[in-house]
């Protein structure tokens, strides 16, 4: 039976962020996606100008309850969430995962704690970072922070693998079973490379790809979605999930850069989502 993932995220008509970045890639991999949109915008806000509207909290809740009315929530394998425009939306996420777990206790929740980045600082509304730290972590099985976000969630600065693992394990005490650090910057890594690190209770794996100098929105959304899918597919094998995820994300970014595009070229790169040519291996990290 195909996986079913409920994704509560933003939606744009032009470009690929939020649900617009995850729905097609997951479908191309055979996943049935139930998207619930939190905004309907012309394009992502990074352009400085956009049109459209934010879906009010009750509207988001109503769509979720409408799916519940169909009696199908018990078939859902995972909940996926990303950028949150308000704490109230976070409350809806918590309501959703509680309801899903009533019907299916092992429903997975992957929370991408989108709130900031190195060089930019926080770019979400006041109170959102604290809500992630104090509330959302309790319910998440997987979190996918970048370097900056993990430092905030753990209250710990780091520039080494050992420091990153210590930060991840500190956060795991609050709830998450798996921490995926999506863009890890290490003092021992060449500037031409970038790392992705996965930490769980028993193991640590790192994978490294060449750094592609391009600024894109939606790569974090894509990473969280792909890791969720492969984590389920490979029965919680974090090494296989990391390798499958980073290989596909790298190829999508590479094809986007080669096309000199401003948005992820998901349609053009769809074969890479299914059968990537670049296969990156994850190395097990021994932490004393």
C-alpha atoms as a PDB file:
ATOM      1  CA  UNK A   1       0.000   0.000   0.000  1.00  0.00           C
ATOM      2  CA  UNK A   2       1.303   3.446  -0.902  1.00  0.00           C
ATOM      3  CA  UNK A   3       2.387   5.800   1.847  1.00  0.00           C
ATOM      4  CA  UNK A   4       0.019   8.596   2.784  1.00  0.00           C
ATOM      5  CA  UNK A   5       1.479  11.862   4.050  1.00  0.00           C
ATOM      6  CA  UNK A   6      -0.603  14.793   5.303  1.00  0.00           C
ATOM      7  CA  UNK A   7       1.269  18.038   4.624  1.00  0.00           C
ATOM      8  CA  UNK A   8       0.136  21.286   6.269  1.00  0.00           C
ATOM      9  CA  UNK A   9       2.139  24.060   4.605  1.00  0.00           C
ATOM     10  CA  UNK A  10       2.014  27.121   2.377  1.00  0.00           C
ATOM     11  CA  UNK A  11       1.090  27.035  -1.306  1.00  0.00           C
ATOM     12  CA  UNK A  12       2.336  29.283  -4.132  1.00  0.00           C
ATOM     13  CA  UNK A  13       1.254  29.401  -7.763  1.00  0.00           C
ATOM     14  CA  UNK A  14       4.651  30.439  -9.123  1.00  0.00           C
ATOM     15  CA  UNK A  15       7.674  28.595  -7.811  1.00  0.00           C
ATOM     16  CA  UNK A  16       8.150  25.812  -5.322  1.00  0.00           C
ATOM     17  CA  UNK A  17       7.995  26.268  -1.558  1.00  0.00           C
ATOM     18  CA  UNK A  18       5.897  24.557   1.097  1.00  0.00           C
ATOM     19  CA  UNK A  19       3.281  22.247  -0.370  1.00  0.00           C
ATOM     20  CA  UNK A  20       4.254  23.479  -3.835  1.00  0.00           C
ATOM     21  CA  UNK A  21       7.731  22.041  -3.217  1.00  0.00           C
ATOM     22  CA  UNK A  22       6.745  18.712  -1.706  1.00  0.00           C
ATOM     23  CA  UNK A  23       3.529  17.490  -3.331  1.00  0.00           C
ATOM     24  CA  UNK A  24       4.814  16.626  -6.811  1.00  0.00           C
ATOM     25  CA  UNK A  25       8.151  15.102  -5.682  1.00  0.00           C
ATOM     26  CA  UNK A  26       6.377  12.849  -3.194  1.00  0.00           C
ATOM     27  CA  UNK A  27       3.740  11.874  -5.744  1.00  0.00           C
ATOM     28  CA  UNK A  28       6.484  11.092  -8.270  1.00  0.00           C
ATOM     29  CA  UNK A  29       7.869   8.668  -5.688  1.00  0.00           C
ATOM     30  CA  UNK A  30       4.508   6.964  -5.295  1.00  0.00           C
ATOM     31  CA  UNK A  31       3.322   8.745  -2.159  1.00  0.00           C
ATOM     32  CA  UNK A  32      -0.283   9.809  -1.763  1.00  0.00           C
ATOM     33  CA  UNK A  33      -0.191  13.397  -0.482  1.00  0.00           C
ATOM     34  CA  UNK A  34      -2.993  15.180   1.325  1.00  0.00           C
ATOM     35  CA  UNK A  35      -1.989  18.866   1.201  1.00  0.00           C
ATOM     36  CA  UNK A  36      -3.657  21.390   3.469  1.00  0.00           C
ATOM     37  CA  UNK A  37      -2.644  24.920   2.494  1.00  0.00           C
ATOM     38  CA  UNK A  38      -1.952  27.605   5.077  1.00  0.00           C
ATOM     39  CA  UNK A  39      -1.529  30.421   2.540  1.00  0.00           C
ATOM     40  CA  UNK A  40      -2.440  30.888  -1.116  1.00  0.00           C
ATOM     41  CA  UNK A  41       0.164  33.244  -2.566  1.00  0.00           C
ATOM     42  CA  UNK A  42       1.233  34.158  -6.079  1.00  0.00           C
ATOM     43  CA  UNK A  43       4.885  33.484  -5.164  1.00  0.00           C
ATOM     44  CA  UNK A  44       7.061  33.152  -2.074  1.00  0.00           C
ATOM     45  CA  UNK A  45       7.707  36.248  -0.003  1.00  0.00           C
ATOM     46  CA  UNK A  46      11.424  36.310  -0.787  1.00  0.00           C
ATOM     47  CA  UNK A  47      10.613  38.308  -3.911  1.00  0.00           C
ATOM     48  CA  UNK A  48       9.514  41.208  -1.730  1.00  0.00           C
ATOM     49  CA  UNK A  49       6.159  41.430  -3.507  1.00  0.00           C
ATOM     50  CA  UNK A  50       3.364  38.897  -3.621  1.00  0.00           C
ATOM     51  CA  UNK A  51      -0.389  38.667  -3.812  1.00  0.00           C
ATOM     52  CA  UNK A  52      -2.893  36.311  -2.304  1.00  0.00           C
ATOM     53  CA  UNK A  53      -4.097  35.573   1.173  1.00  0.00           C
ATOM     54  CA  UNK A  54      -3.338  33.765   4.370  1.00  0.00           C
ATOM     55  CA  UNK A  55      -5.868  31.061   5.162  1.00  0.00           C
ATOM     56  CA  UNK A  56      -7.365  31.846   8.556  1.00  0.00           C
ATOM     57  CA  UNK A  57      -6.696  29.327  11.307  1.00  0.00           C
ATOM     58  CA  UNK A  58     -10.281  28.131  11.388  1.00  0.00           C
ATOM     59  CA  UNK A  59     -10.095  27.534   7.635  1.00  0.00           C
ATOM     60  CA  UNK A  60      -7.058  25.273   8.059  1.00  0.00           C
ATOM     61  CA  UNK A  61      -8.761  23.437  10.909  1.00  0.00           C
ATOM     62  CA  UNK A  62     -11.941  22.991   8.862  1.00  0.00           C
ATOM     63  CA  UNK A  63     -10.078  21.327   5.987  1.00  0.00           C
ATOM     64  CA  UNK A  64      -8.425  18.915   8.425  1.00  0.00           C
ATOM     65  CA  UNK A  65     -11.783  18.124  10.023  1.00  0.00           C
ATOM     66  CA  UNK A  66     -13.250  17.613   6.561  1.00  0.00           C
ATOM     67  CA  UNK A  67     -10.661  14.924   5.883  1.00  0.00           C
ATOM     68  CA  UNK A  68     -11.490  13.424   9.280  1.00  0.00           C
ATOM     69  CA  UNK A  69     -15.154  13.301   8.250  1.00  0.00           C
ATOM     70  CA  UNK A  70     -14.200  11.021   5.363  1.00  0.00           C
ATOM     71  CA  UNK A  71     -13.026   8.449   7.911  1.00  0.00           C
ATOM     72  CA  UNK A  72      -9.583   8.137   6.335  1.00  0.00           C
ATOM     73  CA  UNK A  73      -7.240   9.652   8.930  1.00  0.00           C
ATOM     74  CA  UNK A  74      -6.489   6.159  10.236  1.00  0.00           C
ATOM     75  CA  UNK A  75      -4.712   5.492   6.926  1.00  0.00           C
ATOM     76  CA  UNK A  76      -2.294   8.416   7.283  1.00  0.00           C
ATOM     77  CA  UNK A  77       1.344   7.428   7.838  1.00  0.00           C
ATOM     78  CA  UNK A  78       2.886  10.815   8.583  1.00  0.00           C
ATOM     79  CA  UNK A  79       2.238  14.503   9.207  1.00  0.00           C
ATOM     80  CA  UNK A  80       4.607  17.030   7.672  1.00  0.00           C
ATOM     81  CA  UNK A  81       4.796  20.707   8.640  1.00  0.00           C
ATOM     82  CA  UNK A  82       7.090  23.618   7.846  1.00  0.00           C
ATOM     83  CA  UNK A  83       6.956  27.414   8.021  1.00  0.00           C
ATOM     84  CA  UNK A  84       4.395  28.755  10.483  1.00  0.00           C
ATOM     85  CA  UNK A  85       3.004  32.248  10.231  1.00  0.00           C
ATOM     86  CA  UNK A  86       1.551  32.205  13.741  1.00  0.00           C
ATOM     87  CA  UNK A  87       1.537  30.305  17.019  1.00  0.00           C
ATOM     88  CA  UNK A  88      -2.138  29.604  16.417  1.00  0.00           C
ATOM     89  CA  UNK A  89      -1.196  27.544  13.360  1.00  0.00           C
ATOM     90  CA  UNK A  90       1.173  25.579  15.580  1.00  0.00           C
ATOM     91  CA  UNK A  91      -1.740  24.793  17.862  1.00  0.00           C
ATOM     92  CA  UNK A  92      -3.619  23.379  14.857  1.00  0.00           C
ATOM     93  CA  UNK A  93      -0.578  21.202  14.046  1.00  0.00           C
ATOM     94  CA  UNK A  94      -0.605  19.833  17.583  1.00  0.00           C
ATOM     95  CA  UNK A  95      -4.354  19.189  17.380  1.00  0.00           C
ATOM     96  CA  UNK A  96      -3.799  17.356  14.099  1.00  0.00           C
ATOM     97  CA  UNK A  97      -1.049  15.029  15.326  1.00  0.00           C
ATOM     98  CA  UNK A  98      -3.010  14.256  18.498  1.00  0.00           C
ATOM     99  CA  UNK A  99      -6.061  13.338  16.426  1.00  0.00           C
ATOM    100  CA  UNK A 100      -3.989  11.249  14.010  1.00  0.00           C
ATOM    101  CA  UNK A 101      -2.336   9.346  16.863  1.00  0.00           C
ATOM    102  CA  UNK A 102      -5.705   8.592  18.470  1.00  0.00           C
ATOM    103  CA  UNK A 103      -6.548   6.634  15.341  1.00  0.00           C
ATOM    104  CA  UNK A 104      -3.045   5.361  14.567  1.00  0.00           C
ATOM    105  CA  UNK A 105      -0.606   5.659  17.488  1.00  0.00           C
ATOM    106  CA  UNK A 106       2.527   5.247  15.370  1.00  0.00           C
ATOM    107  CA  UNK A 107       1.724   8.139  13.013  1.00  0.00           C
ATOM    108  CA  UNK A 108       5.019   9.899  12.304  1.00  0.00           C
ATOM    109  CA  UNK A 109       5.372  13.668  12.680  1.00  0.00           C
ATOM    110  CA  UNK A 110       8.177  15.470  10.852  1.00  0.00           C
ATOM    111  CA  UNK A 111       8.467  19.106  11.913  1.00  0.00           C
ATOM    112  CA  UNK A 112      10.694  21.443   9.917  1.00  0.00           C
ATOM    113  CA  UNK A 113      11.300  24.267  12.428  1.00  0.00           C
ATOM    114  CA  UNK A 114      11.621  27.049   9.872  1.00  0.00           C
ATOM    115  CA  UNK A 115      12.597  30.256  11.659  1.00  0.00           C
ATOM    116  CA  UNK A 116      15.961  31.597  10.540  1.00  0.00           C
ATOM    117  CA  UNK A 117      19.384  31.086   9.023  1.00  0.00           C
ATOM    118  CA  UNK A 118      23.008  32.072   9.467  1.00  0.00           C
ATOM    119  CA  UNK A 119      23.556  35.587   8.161  1.00  0.00           C
ATOM    120  CA  UNK A 120      19.847  36.421   8.252  1.00  0.00           C
ATOM    121  CA  UNK A 121      18.905  35.698  11.821  1.00  0.00           C
ATOM    122  CA  UNK A 122      15.245  35.067  12.594  1.00  0.00           C
ATOM    123  CA  UNK A 123      12.729  35.835   9.856  1.00  0.00           C
ATOM    124  CA  UNK A 124       9.527  34.667  11.556  1.00  0.00           C
ATOM    125  CA  UNK A 125       7.119  36.524  13.812  1.00  0.00           C
ATOM    126  CA  UNK A 126       8.031  37.133  17.426  1.00  0.00           C
ATOM    127  CA  UNK A 127       7.095  34.170  19.587  1.00  0.00           C
ATOM    128  CA  UNK A 128       7.379  31.538  16.852  1.00  0.00           C
ATOM    129  CA  UNK A 129      10.917  30.356  17.777  1.00  0.00           C
ATOM    130  CA  UNK A 130       9.887  29.997  21.415  1.00  0.00           C
ATOM    131  CA  UNK A 131       6.782  28.048  20.398  1.00  0.00           C
ATOM    132  CA  UNK A 132       8.877  25.607  18.377  1.00  0.00           C
ATOM    133  CA  UNK A 133      11.251  25.115  21.300  1.00  0.00           C
ATOM    134  CA  UNK A 134       8.689  24.906  24.097  1.00  0.00           C
ATOM    135  CA  UNK A 135       5.750  23.176  22.400  1.00  0.00           C
ATOM    136  CA  UNK A 136       6.363  21.616  18.975  1.00  0.00           C
ATOM    137  CA  UNK A 137       9.381  19.540  19.993  1.00  0.00           C
ATOM    138  CA  UNK A 138       7.216  17.535  22.396  1.00  0.00           C
ATOM    139  CA  UNK A 139       5.223  16.049  19.528  1.00  0.00           C
ATOM    140  CA  UNK A 140       7.777  15.691  16.726  1.00  0.00           C
ATOM    141  CA  UNK A 141       9.403  12.364  15.858  1.00  0.00           C
ATOM    142  CA  UNK A 142      11.736  14.003  13.338  1.00  0.00           C
ATOM    143  CA  UNK A 143      12.958  17.588  13.158  1.00  0.00           C
ATOM    144  CA  UNK A 144      14.945  19.012  10.252  1.00  0.00           C
ATOM    145  CA  UNK A 145      16.644  22.212  11.443  1.00  0.00           C
ATOM    146  CA  UNK A 146      19.460  23.974   9.663  1.00  0.00           C
ATOM    147  CA  UNK A 147      22.633  24.858  11.571  1.00  0.00           C
ATOM    148  CA  UNK A 148      21.243  28.156  12.895  1.00  0.00           C
ATOM    149  CA  UNK A 149      17.934  26.629  13.987  1.00  0.00           C
ATOM    150  CA  UNK A 150      19.573  23.764  15.864  1.00  0.00           C
ATOM    151  CA  UNK A 151      21.828  26.190  17.728  1.00  0.00           C
ATOM    152  CA  UNK A 152      18.730  28.067  18.868  1.00  0.00           C
ATOM    153  CA  UNK A 153      16.706  24.982  19.794  1.00  0.00           C
ATOM    154  CA  UNK A 154      19.598  23.526  21.792  1.00  0.00           C
ATOM    155  CA  UNK A 155      20.926  26.797  23.263  1.00  0.00           C
ATOM    156  CA  UNK A 156      24.309  25.578  22.096  1.00  0.00           C
ATOM    157  CA  UNK A 157      26.745  26.999  19.524  1.00  0.00           C
ATOM    158  CA  UNK A 158      28.874  24.519  17.597  1.00  0.00           C
ATOM    159  CA  UNK A 159      31.275  24.220  14.659  1.00  0.00           C
ATOM    160  CA  UNK A 160      32.267  20.552  14.920  1.00  0.00           C
ATOM    161  CA  UNK A 161      30.541  17.209  14.449  1.00  0.00           C
ATOM    162  CA  UNK A 162      30.878  16.506  18.160  1.00  0.00           C
ATOM    163  CA  UNK A 163      29.230  19.817  18.973  1.00  0.00           C
ATOM    164  CA  UNK A 164      26.420  19.210  16.495  1.00  0.00           C
ATOM    165  CA  UNK A 165      25.722  15.767  17.928  1.00  0.00           C
ATOM    166  CA  UNK A 166      25.707  17.139  21.472  1.00  0.00           C
ATOM    167  CA  UNK A 167      23.251  19.846  20.389  1.00  0.00           C
ATOM    168  CA  UNK A 168      21.019  17.307  18.639  1.00  0.00           C
ATOM    169  CA  UNK A 169      21.003  14.971  21.628  1.00  0.00           C
ATOM    170  CA  UNK A 170      20.141  17.885  23.892  1.00  0.00           C
ATOM    171  CA  UNK A 171      17.102  18.654  21.738  1.00  0.00           C
ATOM    172  CA  UNK A 172      16.140  14.964  21.584  1.00  0.00           C
ATOM    173  CA  UNK A 173      15.599  15.007  25.344  1.00  0.00           C
ATOM    174  CA  UNK A 174      12.597  17.251  24.643  1.00  0.00           C
ATOM    175  CA  UNK A 175      10.893  14.735  22.342  1.00  0.00           C
ATOM    176  CA  UNK A 176      12.303  14.154  18.837  1.00  0.00           C
ATOM    177  CA  UNK A 177      13.749  10.723  18.073  1.00  0.00           C
ATOM    178  CA  UNK A 178      15.644  11.878  14.974  1.00  0.00           C
ATOM    179  CA  UNK A 179      17.395  15.168  14.211  1.00  0.00           C
ATOM    180  CA  UNK A 180      18.367  15.911  10.610  1.00  0.00           C
ATOM    181  CA  UNK A 181      20.722  18.892  10.339  1.00  0.00           C
ATOM    182  CA  UNK A 182      20.151  19.970   6.767  1.00  0.00           C
ATOM    183  CA  UNK A 183      23.058  22.365   6.203  1.00  0.00           C
ATOM    184  CA  UNK A 184      25.841  21.719   8.651  1.00  0.00           C
ATOM    185  CA  UNK A 185      28.821  24.075   8.574  1.00  0.00           C
ATOM    186  CA  UNK A 186      31.961  22.565  10.090  1.00  0.00           C
ATOM    187  CA  UNK A 187      35.373  24.089  10.685  1.00  0.00           C
ATOM    188  CA  UNK A 188      37.021  20.927   9.302  1.00  0.00           C
ATOM    189  CA  UNK A 189      34.974  20.892   6.081  1.00  0.00           C
ATOM    190  CA  UNK A 190      36.174  22.547   2.890  1.00  0.00           C
ATOM    191  CA  UNK A 191      34.200  25.602   1.803  1.00  0.00           C
ATOM    192  CA  UNK A 192      33.430  23.743  -1.426  1.00  0.00           C
ATOM    193  CA  UNK A 193      31.413  21.107   0.482  1.00  0.00           C
ATOM    194  CA  UNK A 194      28.273  21.035   2.587  1.00  0.00           C
ATOM    195  CA  UNK A 195      27.121  18.408   5.070  1.00  0.00           C
ATOM    196  CA  UNK A 196      23.903  16.787   6.198  1.00  0.00           C
ATOM    197  CA  UNK A 197      23.948  15.013   9.557  1.00  0.00           C
ATOM    198  CA  UNK A 198      21.386  12.609  11.014  1.00  0.00           C
ATOM    199  CA  UNK A 199      21.353  11.796  14.705  1.00  0.00           C
ATOM    200  CA  UNK A 200      19.189   9.309  16.560  1.00  0.00           C
ATOM    201  CA  UNK A 201      19.516   7.565  19.898  1.00  0.00           C
ATOM    202  CA  UNK A 202      21.890   4.876  18.663  1.00  0.00           C
ATOM    203  CA  UNK A 203      23.810   6.292  15.710  1.00  0.00           C
ATOM    204  CA  UNK A 204      25.137   9.307  13.841  1.00  0.00           C
ATOM    205  CA  UNK A 205      25.581   9.507  10.068  1.00  0.00           C
ATOM    206  CA  UNK A 206      27.006  12.277   7.917  1.00  0.00           C
ATOM    207  CA  UNK A 207      26.860  12.780   4.157  1.00  0.00           C
ATOM    208  CA  UNK A 208      28.747  15.430   2.208  1.00  0.00           C
ATOM    209  CA  UNK A 209      28.097  16.899  -1.234  1.00  0.00           C
ATOM    210  CA  UNK A 210      29.802  19.595  -3.276  1.00  0.00           C
ATOM    211  CA  UNK A 211      28.490  23.048  -2.376  1.00  0.00           C
ATOM    212  CA  UNK A 212      26.482  24.636  -5.185  1.00  0.00           C
ATOM    213  CA  UNK A 213      26.590  28.428  -5.034  1.00  0.00           C
ATOM    214  CA  UNK A 214      22.948  29.323  -5.576  1.00  0.00           C
ATOM    215  CA  UNK A 215      20.291  30.832  -3.331  1.00  0.00           C
ATOM    216  CA  UNK A 216      17.001  28.963  -3.512  1.00  0.00           C
ATOM    217  CA  UNK A 217      13.807  28.717  -1.526  1.00  0.00           C
ATOM    218  CA  UNK A 218      12.124  25.384  -0.958  1.00  0.00           C
ATOM    219  CA  UNK A 219      15.164  23.130  -0.584  1.00  0.00           C
ATOM    220  CA  UNK A 220      14.518  22.668   3.137  1.00  0.00           C
ATOM    221  CA  UNK A 221      10.882  21.802   2.446  1.00  0.00           C
ATOM    222  CA  UNK A 222      11.955  19.254  -0.157  1.00  0.00           C
ATOM    223  CA  UNK A 223      14.568  17.760   2.172  1.00  0.00           C
ATOM    224  CA  UNK A 224      12.105  17.282   5.031  1.00  0.00           C
ATOM    225  CA  UNK A 225       9.552  15.646   2.747  1.00  0.00           C
ATOM    226  CA  UNK A 226      12.011  13.273   1.104  1.00  0.00           C
ATOM    227  CA  UNK A 227      13.576  12.242   4.407  1.00  0.00           C
ATOM    228  CA  UNK A 228      10.135  11.524   5.867  1.00  0.00           C
ATOM    229  CA  UNK A 229       9.276   9.326   2.886  1.00  0.00           C
ATOM    230  CA  UNK A 230      12.525   7.389   2.889  1.00  0.00           C
ATOM    231  CA  UNK A 231      12.571   7.030   6.681  1.00  0.00           C
ATOM    232  CA  UNK A 232       9.221   5.275   6.393  1.00  0.00           C
ATOM    233  CA  UNK A 233      10.205   3.327   3.282  1.00  0.00           C
ATOM    234  CA  UNK A 234      13.417   2.012   4.819  1.00  0.00           C
ATOM    235  CA  UNK A 235      11.741   1.236   8.151  1.00  0.00           C
ATOM    236  CA  UNK A 236      13.532   3.913  10.191  1.00  0.00           C
ATOM    237  CA  UNK A 237      16.988   3.172   8.746  1.00  0.00           C
ATOM    238  CA  UNK A 238      18.515   6.641   9.047  1.00  0.00           C
ATOM    239  CA  UNK A 239      21.585   5.820   6.940  1.00  0.00           C
ATOM    240  CA  UNK A 240      19.542   4.743   3.921  1.00  0.00           C
ATOM    241  CA  UNK A 241      17.101   7.623   4.383  1.00  0.00           C
ATOM    242  CA  UNK A 242      19.952  10.143   4.495  1.00  0.00           C
ATOM    243  CA  UNK A 243      21.653   8.732   1.396  1.00  0.00           C
ATOM    244  CA  UNK A 244      18.430   8.675  -0.613  1.00  0.00           C
ATOM    245  CA  UNK A 245      17.474  12.193   0.459  1.00  0.00           C
ATOM    246  CA  UNK A 246      20.772  14.001  -0.044  1.00  0.00           C
ATOM    247  CA  UNK A 247      21.372  12.396  -3.452  1.00  0.00           C
ATOM    248  CA  UNK A 248      18.035  13.623  -4.764  1.00  0.00           C
ATOM    249  CA  UNK A 249      18.199  17.083  -3.238  1.00  0.00           C
ATOM    250  CA  UNK A 250      21.697  17.575  -4.647  1.00  0.00           C
ATOM    251  CA  UNK A 251      20.595  16.668  -8.171  1.00  0.00           C
ATOM    252  CA  UNK A 252      17.557  18.941  -8.047  1.00  0.00           C
ATOM    253  CA  UNK A 253      19.743  21.854  -6.927  1.00  0.00           C
ATOM    254  CA  UNK A 254      22.387  21.025  -9.544  1.00  0.00           C
ATOM    255  CA  UNK A 255      19.841  20.936 -12.368  1.00  0.00           C
ATOM    256  CA  UNK A 256      18.325  24.179 -11.115  1.00  0.00           C
ATOM    257  CA  UNK A 257      21.743  25.850 -11.101  1.00  0.00           C
ATOM    258  CA  UNK A 258      22.585  24.506 -14.567  1.00  0.00           C
ATOM    259  CA  UNK A 259      19.317  25.960 -15.848  1.00  0.00           C
ATOM    260  CA  UNK A 260      20.125  29.344 -14.230  1.00  0.00           C
ATOM    261  CA  UNK A 261      16.650  29.162 -12.699  1.00  0.00           C
ATOM    262  CA  UNK A 262      15.412  31.114  -9.695  1.00  0.00           C
ATOM    263  CA  UNK A 263      13.032  28.364  -8.639  1.00  0.00           C
ATOM    264  CA  UNK A 264      13.575  24.632  -8.179  1.00  0.00           C
ATOM    265  CA  UNK A 265      13.162  22.856 -11.526  1.00  0.00           C
ATOM    266  CA  UNK A 266      11.160  19.987 -10.073  1.00  0.00           C
ATOM    267  CA  UNK A 267       9.457  18.968 -13.306  1.00  0.00           C
ATOM    268  CA  UNK A 268      12.695  18.946 -15.299  1.00  0.00           C
ATOM    269  CA  UNK A 269      14.424  17.056 -12.483  1.00  0.00           C
ATOM    270  CA  UNK A 270      11.664  14.523 -11.888  1.00  0.00           C
ATOM    271  CA  UNK A 271      13.700  11.571 -13.158  1.00  0.00           C
ATOM    272  CA  UNK A 272      16.414  12.491 -10.655  1.00  0.00           C
ATOM    273  CA  UNK A 273      13.830  12.167  -7.901  1.00  0.00           C
ATOM    274  CA  UNK A 274      13.188   8.581  -8.942  1.00  0.00           C
ATOM    275  CA  UNK A 275      16.644   7.511 -10.075  1.00  0.00           C
ATOM    276  CA  UNK A 276      19.448   9.969  -9.215  1.00  0.00           C
ATOM    277  CA  UNK A 277      22.777   9.558 -10.989  1.00  0.00           C
ATOM    278  CA  UNK A 278      24.803  11.015  -8.121  1.00  0.00           C
ATOM    279  CA  UNK A 279      24.664   8.626  -5.176  1.00  0.00           C
ATOM    280  CA  UNK A 280      26.254   9.968  -2.009  1.00  0.00           C
ATOM    281  CA  UNK A 281      27.181   7.592   0.787  1.00  0.00           C
ATOM    282  CA  UNK A 282      26.621   8.365   4.443  1.00  0.00           C
ATOM    283  CA  UNK A 283      29.465   7.644   6.839  1.00  0.00           C
ATOM    284  CA  UNK A 284      28.918   6.469  10.369  1.00  0.00           C
ATOM    285  CA  UNK A 285      30.360   8.869  12.924  1.00  0.00           C
ATOM    286  CA  UNK A 286      31.870   7.512  16.107  1.00  0.00           C
ATOM    287  CA  UNK A 287      31.318   9.813  19.047  1.00  0.00           C
ATOM    288  CA  UNK A 288      33.217   9.052  22.229  1.00  0.00           C
END
